[in-house]
Protein backbone atom coordinates (compact mmCIF):
# COMPACT_ATOMS: atom_id res chain seq x y z
CA MET A 1 74.94 -1.81 99.38
CA SER A 2 76.55 -0.50 102.58
CA ARG A 3 75.68 -2.11 105.90
CA LYS A 4 76.66 -1.83 109.53
CA VAL A 5 79.01 -4.08 111.50
CA LYS A 6 79.09 -3.86 115.28
CA LEU A 7 82.28 -4.54 117.21
CA THR A 8 81.91 -5.47 120.88
CA ILE A 9 84.82 -5.66 123.29
CA LEU A 10 84.11 -9.00 124.96
CA GLY A 11 87.24 -8.67 127.09
CA CYS A 12 90.13 -6.21 127.40
CA GLY A 13 92.15 -7.87 130.16
CA ASN A 14 95.59 -9.42 130.06
CA SER A 15 96.29 -13.13 130.53
CA ALA A 16 95.45 -12.97 134.26
CA GLY A 17 92.33 -10.79 133.95
CA VAL A 18 91.25 -8.21 136.51
CA PRO A 19 90.82 -8.95 139.32
CA GLU A 20 93.49 -11.64 139.21
CA ILE A 21 92.88 -14.94 141.00
CA GLY A 22 92.68 -14.36 144.76
CA ASN A 23 90.53 -11.26 144.12
CA TYR A 24 93.69 -9.20 143.58
CA TRP A 25 92.94 -5.80 142.07
CA GLY A 26 96.45 -4.35 142.13
CA ALA A 27 96.29 -0.62 141.37
CA CYS A 28 92.75 -0.95 139.98
CA ASP A 29 89.85 0.54 141.94
CA PRO A 30 87.39 -2.33 142.58
CA ASN A 31 84.54 0.20 142.78
CA GLU A 32 85.06 1.19 139.13
CA PRO A 33 83.12 -1.41 137.07
CA ARG A 34 85.25 -0.75 133.98
CA ASN A 35 88.24 -2.17 135.86
CA ARG A 36 86.66 -5.63 135.82
CA ARG A 37 88.32 -7.17 132.77
CA THR A 38 87.94 -10.59 131.21
CA ARG A 39 90.50 -12.02 128.79
CA ALA A 40 90.99 -10.21 125.47
CA SER A 41 88.41 -10.93 122.77
CA ILE A 42 85.99 -9.13 120.44
CA ALA A 43 82.78 -9.97 118.60
CA LEU A 44 81.99 -8.77 115.06
CA GLN A 45 78.32 -8.83 114.08
CA ASP A 46 76.11 -7.78 111.21
CA GLU A 47 72.51 -8.83 110.58
CA LYS A 48 73.51 -12.31 109.45
CA THR A 49 76.92 -13.19 110.90
CA THR A 50 78.52 -13.32 114.33
CA PHE A 51 82.27 -13.73 114.16
CA ILE A 52 84.47 -13.96 117.24
CA VAL A 53 88.13 -13.05 117.59
CA ASP A 54 89.70 -15.44 120.16
CA THR A 55 88.02 -17.76 122.65
CA GLY A 56 89.76 -17.20 125.98
CA PRO A 57 88.95 -18.82 129.34
CA ASP A 58 86.06 -16.34 129.89
CA PHE A 59 84.38 -17.09 126.54
CA ARG A 60 81.16 -18.58 127.94
CA ASP A 61 80.55 -15.75 130.41
CA GLN A 62 81.37 -13.12 127.78
CA LEU A 63 78.80 -14.47 125.33
CA ASN A 64 76.15 -14.82 128.03
CA ARG A 65 76.83 -11.27 129.22
CA GLU A 66 76.36 -9.89 125.70
CA ASN A 67 73.45 -12.25 124.90
CA ILE A 68 75.24 -13.71 121.88
CA THR A 69 73.30 -16.86 121.00
CA HIS A 70 75.08 -18.10 117.88
CA VAL A 71 78.59 -18.10 116.46
CA ASP A 72 79.46 -18.51 112.79
CA GLY A 73 83.24 -18.70 113.06
CA ILE A 74 86.36 -17.87 115.05
CA PHE A 75 89.40 -15.82 114.06
CA TYR A 76 92.43 -16.70 116.19
CA THR A 77 95.15 -14.11 116.71
CA HIS A 78 97.56 -16.74 118.09
CA ALA A 79 97.57 -19.86 120.26
CA HIS A 80 98.44 -18.55 123.71
CA SER A 81 96.11 -20.05 126.33
CA ASP A 82 94.40 -16.77 127.25
CA HIS A 83 93.19 -16.62 123.63
CA ILE A 84 92.16 -20.23 123.00
CA GLY A 85 91.31 -21.71 126.43
CA GLY A 86 87.53 -21.47 125.92
CA ILE A 87 87.45 -23.42 122.68
CA ASP A 88 85.45 -26.26 124.30
CA GLU A 89 82.41 -23.97 124.48
CA LEU A 90 82.10 -24.22 120.70
CA ARG A 91 80.73 -27.73 121.19
CA VAL A 92 77.40 -26.20 122.29
CA PHE A 93 77.05 -24.15 119.11
CA SER A 94 78.06 -27.04 116.87
CA LYS A 95 75.53 -29.33 118.55
CA ARG A 96 72.73 -26.80 118.13
CA THR A 97 73.41 -26.11 114.45
CA LYS A 98 74.56 -29.65 113.59
CA SER A 99 77.44 -28.13 111.69
CA MET A 100 81.16 -27.59 112.10
CA ILE A 101 82.42 -24.18 113.17
CA PRO A 102 85.24 -22.81 111.00
CA LEU A 103 88.42 -21.62 112.72
CA TYR A 104 90.81 -19.21 111.00
CA GLY A 105 94.41 -18.35 111.83
CA ASP A 106 97.98 -18.63 110.64
CA GLN A 107 99.39 -22.11 110.03
CA LYS A 108 101.33 -22.24 113.31
CA THR A 109 98.25 -21.30 115.32
CA ILE A 110 96.04 -23.82 113.54
CA ASP A 111 98.63 -26.56 114.04
CA GLU A 112 98.94 -25.78 117.77
CA ILE A 113 95.18 -25.75 118.29
CA ARG A 114 94.72 -29.03 116.44
CA TYR A 115 97.48 -30.62 118.53
CA ARG A 116 96.27 -29.35 121.90
CA PHE A 117 92.56 -29.95 121.25
CA GLU A 118 92.75 -32.95 118.93
CA TYR A 119 89.37 -34.25 120.10
CA MET A 120 87.60 -31.15 118.71
CA PHE A 121 88.49 -32.18 115.16
CA ASN A 122 87.79 -35.93 115.13
CA ASP A 123 84.75 -38.08 115.81
CA ILE A 124 85.21 -40.02 119.07
CA ASP A 125 83.41 -43.10 120.42
CA ASP A 126 81.55 -43.91 117.19
CA GLY A 127 80.08 -40.44 116.91
CA LEU A 128 79.08 -39.97 120.54
CA TYR A 129 81.39 -36.96 120.52
CA PRO A 130 81.39 -35.69 116.94
CA ALA A 131 83.98 -33.32 115.49
CA VAL A 132 83.17 -29.70 116.27
CA CYS A 133 85.51 -27.52 114.21
CA SER A 134 87.05 -27.20 110.78
CA THR A 135 90.25 -25.21 110.17
CA HIS A 136 91.36 -22.73 107.55
CA ALA A 137 94.98 -21.53 107.68
CA PHE A 138 95.88 -18.29 105.95
CA HIS A 139 98.49 -18.24 103.21
CA ASP A 140 101.02 -15.41 103.02
CA HIS A 141 99.31 -13.81 100.02
CA GLU A 142 96.04 -13.44 101.97
CA TYR A 143 97.42 -10.97 104.50
CA GLY A 144 96.47 -7.41 103.67
CA GLN A 145 93.64 -8.66 101.44
CA ILE A 146 89.90 -8.66 102.09
CA LYS A 147 88.58 -12.01 103.29
CA HIS A 148 84.91 -12.76 103.90
CA PHE A 149 84.02 -14.29 107.25
CA GLY A 150 80.43 -15.20 106.56
CA THR A 151 78.96 -11.89 105.38
CA ILE A 152 81.60 -9.75 107.15
CA PRO A 153 84.54 -8.53 105.01
CA ALA A 154 87.76 -8.15 107.00
CA ILE A 155 91.48 -7.86 106.40
CA PRO A 156 93.97 -9.99 108.41
CA PHE A 157 97.51 -8.76 108.93
CA VAL A 158 100.65 -10.04 110.65
CA GLN A 159 101.96 -8.54 113.92
CA ASP A 160 105.19 -8.87 115.89
CA HIS A 161 104.45 -10.50 119.27
CA GLY A 162 108.07 -10.77 120.34
CA TYR A 163 108.85 -14.48 120.40
CA ARG A 164 106.20 -15.28 117.80
CA GLU A 165 103.82 -13.64 115.36
CA SER A 166 100.16 -12.85 115.98
CA LEU A 167 97.39 -11.65 113.69
CA GLY A 168 95.43 -8.42 113.74
CA ILE A 169 92.22 -7.69 111.87
CA ARG A 170 90.67 -4.67 110.17
CA VAL A 171 86.93 -4.32 109.52
CA GLY A 172 85.83 -1.18 107.70
CA ASP A 173 87.49 1.70 109.51
CA LEU A 174 87.96 -0.25 112.76
CA ALA A 175 91.06 -2.31 113.56
CA TYR A 176 92.07 -4.66 116.36
CA SER A 177 95.67 -5.32 117.42
CA THR A 178 95.92 -7.34 120.59
CA ASP A 179 99.13 -9.09 121.68
CA MET A 180 101.69 -7.22 119.65
CA VAL A 181 104.87 -5.30 120.36
CA ASN A 182 105.41 -3.82 116.91
CA LEU A 183 104.02 -3.65 113.37
CA ASN A 184 105.88 -4.03 110.10
CA ASP A 185 105.38 -1.85 107.02
CA ALA A 186 102.78 -4.18 105.52
CA ALA A 187 100.66 -4.07 108.68
CA LEU A 188 100.96 -0.29 108.90
CA GLU A 189 99.87 0.01 105.28
CA THR A 190 96.79 -2.11 106.06
CA LEU A 191 95.96 0.08 109.06
CA LYS A 192 96.42 3.46 107.42
CA GLY A 193 93.19 5.42 107.43
CA VAL A 194 91.35 3.55 110.18
CA ARG A 195 89.16 5.75 112.30
CA VAL A 196 89.42 3.61 115.45
CA TRP A 197 92.32 1.37 116.45
CA ILE A 198 92.06 -1.01 119.42
CA ALA A 199 95.66 -1.65 120.43
CA ASP A 200 97.62 -3.69 122.95
CA ALA A 201 99.59 -1.48 125.32
CA ALA A 202 100.17 -3.96 128.13
CA GLY A 203 103.76 -2.72 128.22
CA TYR A 204 102.28 0.51 129.64
CA LYS A 205 105.19 2.68 130.93
CA MET A 206 107.87 -0.01 131.02
CA PRO A 207 111.25 0.93 129.48
CA LYS A 208 111.02 -2.23 127.39
CA ASN A 209 108.58 -5.10 126.97
CA TYR A 210 109.50 -7.92 124.62
CA VAL A 211 105.96 -9.07 123.77
CA HIS A 212 103.58 -6.13 124.36
CA ALA A 213 103.71 -2.54 123.15
CA THR A 214 104.22 0.32 125.59
CA LEU A 215 102.13 3.48 125.43
CA GLU A 216 105.04 5.30 123.81
CA GLN A 217 105.23 2.66 121.09
CA ILE A 218 101.49 2.98 120.43
CA PHE A 219 101.82 6.77 120.16
CA LYS A 220 104.68 6.31 117.69
CA LEU A 221 102.86 3.74 115.55
CA ASN A 222 99.78 5.94 115.39
CA GLU A 223 101.84 8.73 113.86
CA THR A 224 101.72 6.54 110.75
CA ILE A 225 98.27 4.98 111.20
CA ARG A 226 96.62 8.29 112.20
CA ALA A 227 93.57 6.77 113.89
CA GLU A 228 91.27 9.42 115.33
CA GLN A 229 90.59 7.29 118.40
CA VAL A 230 92.79 4.62 119.98
CA TYR A 231 91.45 2.29 122.66
CA ILE A 232 93.99 0.49 124.82
CA THR A 233 93.37 -3.21 125.44
CA HIS A 234 95.01 -6.27 127.07
CA MET A 235 95.29 -4.32 130.34
CA ALA A 236 96.70 -5.66 133.59
CA ALA A 237 95.85 -5.02 137.23
CA PHE A 238 98.43 -2.23 137.42
CA MET A 239 96.46 -0.21 134.83
CA ASP A 240 93.58 1.57 136.59
CA TYR A 241 90.79 2.84 134.32
CA LYS A 242 90.43 6.34 135.82
CA THR A 243 94.21 6.79 136.08
CA LEU A 244 94.56 5.92 132.40
CA CYS A 245 91.79 8.34 131.46
CA ASP A 246 93.68 11.11 133.26
CA GLU A 247 97.08 10.16 131.81
CA LEU A 248 96.22 9.56 128.16
CA PRO A 249 96.21 12.40 125.63
CA SER A 250 93.18 13.39 123.58
CA GLY A 251 92.17 10.64 121.16
CA TYR A 252 93.33 7.85 123.47
CA ALA A 253 91.30 5.97 126.08
CA PRO A 254 91.23 2.63 127.90
CA ALA A 255 88.79 0.08 126.51
CA TYR A 256 86.38 -1.73 128.79
CA ASP A 257 84.39 -4.95 128.64
CA GLY A 258 81.11 -4.32 126.82
CA LEU A 259 82.31 -1.28 124.83
CA THR A 260 80.60 -1.25 121.41
CA LEU A 261 81.72 0.43 118.20
CA GLU A 262 80.25 0.51 114.72
CA THR A 263 81.59 0.67 111.19
CA THR A 264 80.18 0.61 107.68
CA VAL A 265 81.22 -2.00 105.10
CA ASP A 266 80.23 -2.69 101.50
């Protein structure tokens, strides 16, 4: 039986967010509320499951803003700090449910998280601080295949993030590709036919960016993917919302914190 899954953009900012520390807005108009960007993250929700992609430094405020009161699991795209820095907030959910929260990612990401936040995975002080999270690393054969995150079916795929790999995720006819500079043939095959693609274009108009796609690269990739609508994410303070709206061709638009989309899954 088909059912609806809601995708919420919790944050569409780059690693510094907008405004940057020091209340620096760069080229962004501070009077445009859609220029206020927290670190990149999304929420996936159906009637039973709430699944989060990345827990950046703004995780607590993002969930309070969207009135998300429970979390069933986390999908990590990679282990850069702007995507994992809010992991401590999971302690609240684990305490309330008296259960461990599953974390999903590639082996390198899981290993880095377990090393940097060792205390989240082991009981400390005779149980005074119990373990909060369990981990589940993807194997190579799982990419491009449907995985079930609670009751939400989704497909993970590998992305090129320059000096390392990251993971993207497809749910129904929606897909999310933050922190990537390019996609291989397997990823493109997974993305073919999506209706909406949320894509990192932090490289904007640069001649070359080694870790983030430029707008021209996104346009080129979408010639294969053929998404009807592309939302740009992971945006920096030099990327003003209204300016982007005026610059981008039909079918392309900047994302903004709080944007919601919907897809149907079986």
